[in-house]
Amino acid sequence: MKSQHQKPPLTPKNSFWPASGYPIAIAHRGGAGMLSFERHRRENTLEVFKTAVELGYEHLELDVTNTADGQVIVLHVTADNVEKLFHKPSAPNAQKLQQYKYAELKKRLDRQIPTLEEVLKALPKTKFLIDAKTDEVLKPLANVIKKTKSKNRVYLNSFFIHRVIELQTLLGEDLNCGVIISRHPRIYNRHIRALYRGDYFGKGFSAIATSRRFLTKRMVNLIHQRGLKVMVWRVSTPKQIEWAIKMGVDGIMTDDPQTLLDVLKRSKHPRQRG
């Protein structure tokens, strides 16, 4: 007799999720390595994406926002990295960055900022987990996905459920998409209540992502019981990776691509499921 906690078979939704070989290795923001000033210049760049692909990665995570002249750009915005790049005590958030034109933003930040279209075209066989950082980027993002015919190799998610639902409206109910559980205590508690009420199930989502700080075995079991996959992010040390494997997650997002590949290769835990 099967346990009520047993995970249902993993069935790919279009061609994004593999049928076996879990957990999936995912390069977080391309996997730019240790936290440093240089890391903030290299993450989410075409250079680091190509490096991860050369290592053997088939799945990359990236963040997108919009510019004043309508470009969908690949850029992660936090007070931690943008403040350093702008050399100001208060960094502009993603919404404020959208006030700049693409050329102006590259000049001001003095770094490579690829457009999403450039990345999708440069890596035509790679699959991308994309975090939509603003409401304004949703329609342009959907247009880029349509233009490049990339729907079957993208997974679109957000900390805000209304953005995910809007993307489903723009791209179709068969879109691979899901919710990211926030680290902010108040928002995190709201996500957890919604998770236990079943609010995220039956909406066409295929996965839920969370920080390793908040992942529990109970959460993994609940999400799996509902037929969704579990993605965990910022897992980079060997100890963290071994822990994530034991937890039974379906995807591990790392800042250290080589270490993740090394641990998965020598892991004694089975990676075949379903």
Foldseek 3Di string as FASTA:
>chain_A
DDDLLDFDQADDLQQADDNWQPQAEEAELLQLDDDDLVSQQPRVALVSVVVLVVVPHQEYEFEWAAALVGFIKTHDDDCVHQCVQQVHNGGDGRVVRNDHHPVVSCVNSVHGIHTPLVNCVVCVRHAYEYEYDDLVCLVSVLVSCVVSVPQSRYEYEYQDVVSQLVNCVSNHLSGAYFYEQDPPVVSNVVVVVCLVVCVRAPSSYAAYEYELVPDDLVSCSSCSSSNHFYEYEAQEALVSLLVVVVSPGRYYHYSHSVRNVVSSVPPPRDRTDD
